[in-house]
Amino acid sequence: MDLDELQAGTSILLPEIEEAPKSRREFYGHIHRKLNEFRARGLPLPEDLLRIERILEDDFCAESQGR
């Protein structure tokens, strides 16, 4: 991913999370909703957001299993 793609992907979320999310789950919700907007419009999904979403999902899964 080049710098322009990275900046575009992360700048998409900034207006929505200017107030710091209160939890990782809230942050995950912002990312998940933004990715769903991209999917609904048929737009390419920013890799950085997909990566963050996967990391958080893995963390939540591990927490729920007591790891």
Protein backbone atom coordinates (compact mmCIF):
# COMPACT_ATOMS: atom_id res chain seq x y z
CA MET A 1 0.00 0.00 0.00
CA ASP A 2 1.45 3.37 -0.92
CA LEU A 3 1.43 6.47 1.27
CA ASP A 4 -1.52 8.05 -0.53
CA GLU A 5 -3.69 4.98 0.07
CA LEU A 6 -2.67 4.83 3.71
CA GLN A 7 -3.45 8.51 4.27
CA ALA A 8 -6.78 8.19 2.49
CA GLY A 9 -7.77 5.17 4.55
CA THR A 10 -6.91 6.66 7.91
CA SER A 11 -8.24 10.14 7.13
CA ILE A 12 -11.66 8.62 6.44
CA LEU A 13 -12.08 7.76 10.11
CA LEU A 14 -10.67 10.92 11.66
CA PRO A 15 -13.84 13.04 11.50
CA GLU A 16 -15.83 10.24 13.13
CA ILE A 17 -13.42 9.65 15.99
CA GLU A 18 -12.19 13.14 16.78
CA GLU A 19 -13.51 12.51 20.25
CA ALA A 20 -11.46 9.57 21.43
CA PRO A 21 -13.44 6.34 21.57
CA LYS A 22 -14.13 5.26 25.12
CA SER A 23 -13.21 1.64 24.43
CA ARG A 24 -11.68 -0.70 21.89
CA ARG A 25 -15.17 -1.97 21.10
CA GLU A 26 -16.35 1.55 20.30
CA PHE A 27 -13.31 2.05 18.06
CA TYR A 28 -14.03 -1.29 16.40
CA GLY A 29 -17.62 -0.16 15.79
CA HIS A 30 -16.42 2.97 13.98
CA ILE A 31 -14.12 0.95 11.75
CA HIS A 32 -16.71 -1.73 11.08
CA ARG A 33 -19.38 0.81 10.10
CA LYS A 34 -16.97 2.65 7.81
CA LEU A 35 -15.97 -0.58 6.08
CA ASN A 36 -19.64 -1.48 5.63
CA GLU A 37 -20.20 1.90 3.95
CA PHE A 38 -17.37 1.09 1.54
CA ARG A 39 -18.85 -2.35 0.85
CA ALA A 40 -22.32 -0.93 0.23
CA ARG A 41 -20.91 1.52 -2.31
CA GLY A 42 -18.75 -1.07 -4.02
CA LEU A 43 -15.58 0.84 -3.14
CA PRO A 44 -12.20 -0.79 -2.50
CA LEU A 45 -11.60 -1.44 1.18
CA PRO A 46 -8.59 0.31 2.76
CA GLU A 47 -6.13 -2.38 3.84
CA ASP A 48 -5.13 -0.53 6.99
CA LEU A 49 -8.73 -0.48 8.22
CA LEU A 50 -9.21 -4.15 7.37
CA ARG A 51 -6.04 -4.99 9.27
CA ILE A 52 -7.18 -3.07 12.36
CA GLU A 53 -10.61 -4.69 12.19
CA ARG A 54 -9.04 -8.18 12.05
CA ILE A 55 -6.68 -7.47 14.94
CA LEU A 56 -9.52 -6.25 17.14
CA GLU A 57 -11.74 -9.19 16.18
CA ASP A 58 -8.94 -11.60 17.10
CA ASP A 59 -8.46 -9.82 20.44
CA PHE A 60 -12.19 -9.96 21.22
CA CYS A 61 -12.33 -13.65 20.33
CA ALA A 62 -9.34 -14.42 22.56
CA GLU A 63 -10.92 -12.44 25.43
CA SER A 64 -14.19 -14.32 25.11
CA GLN A 65 -12.30 -17.62 25.29
CA GLY A 66 -10.39 -16.52 28.39
CA ARG A 67 -7.03 -16.10 26.69
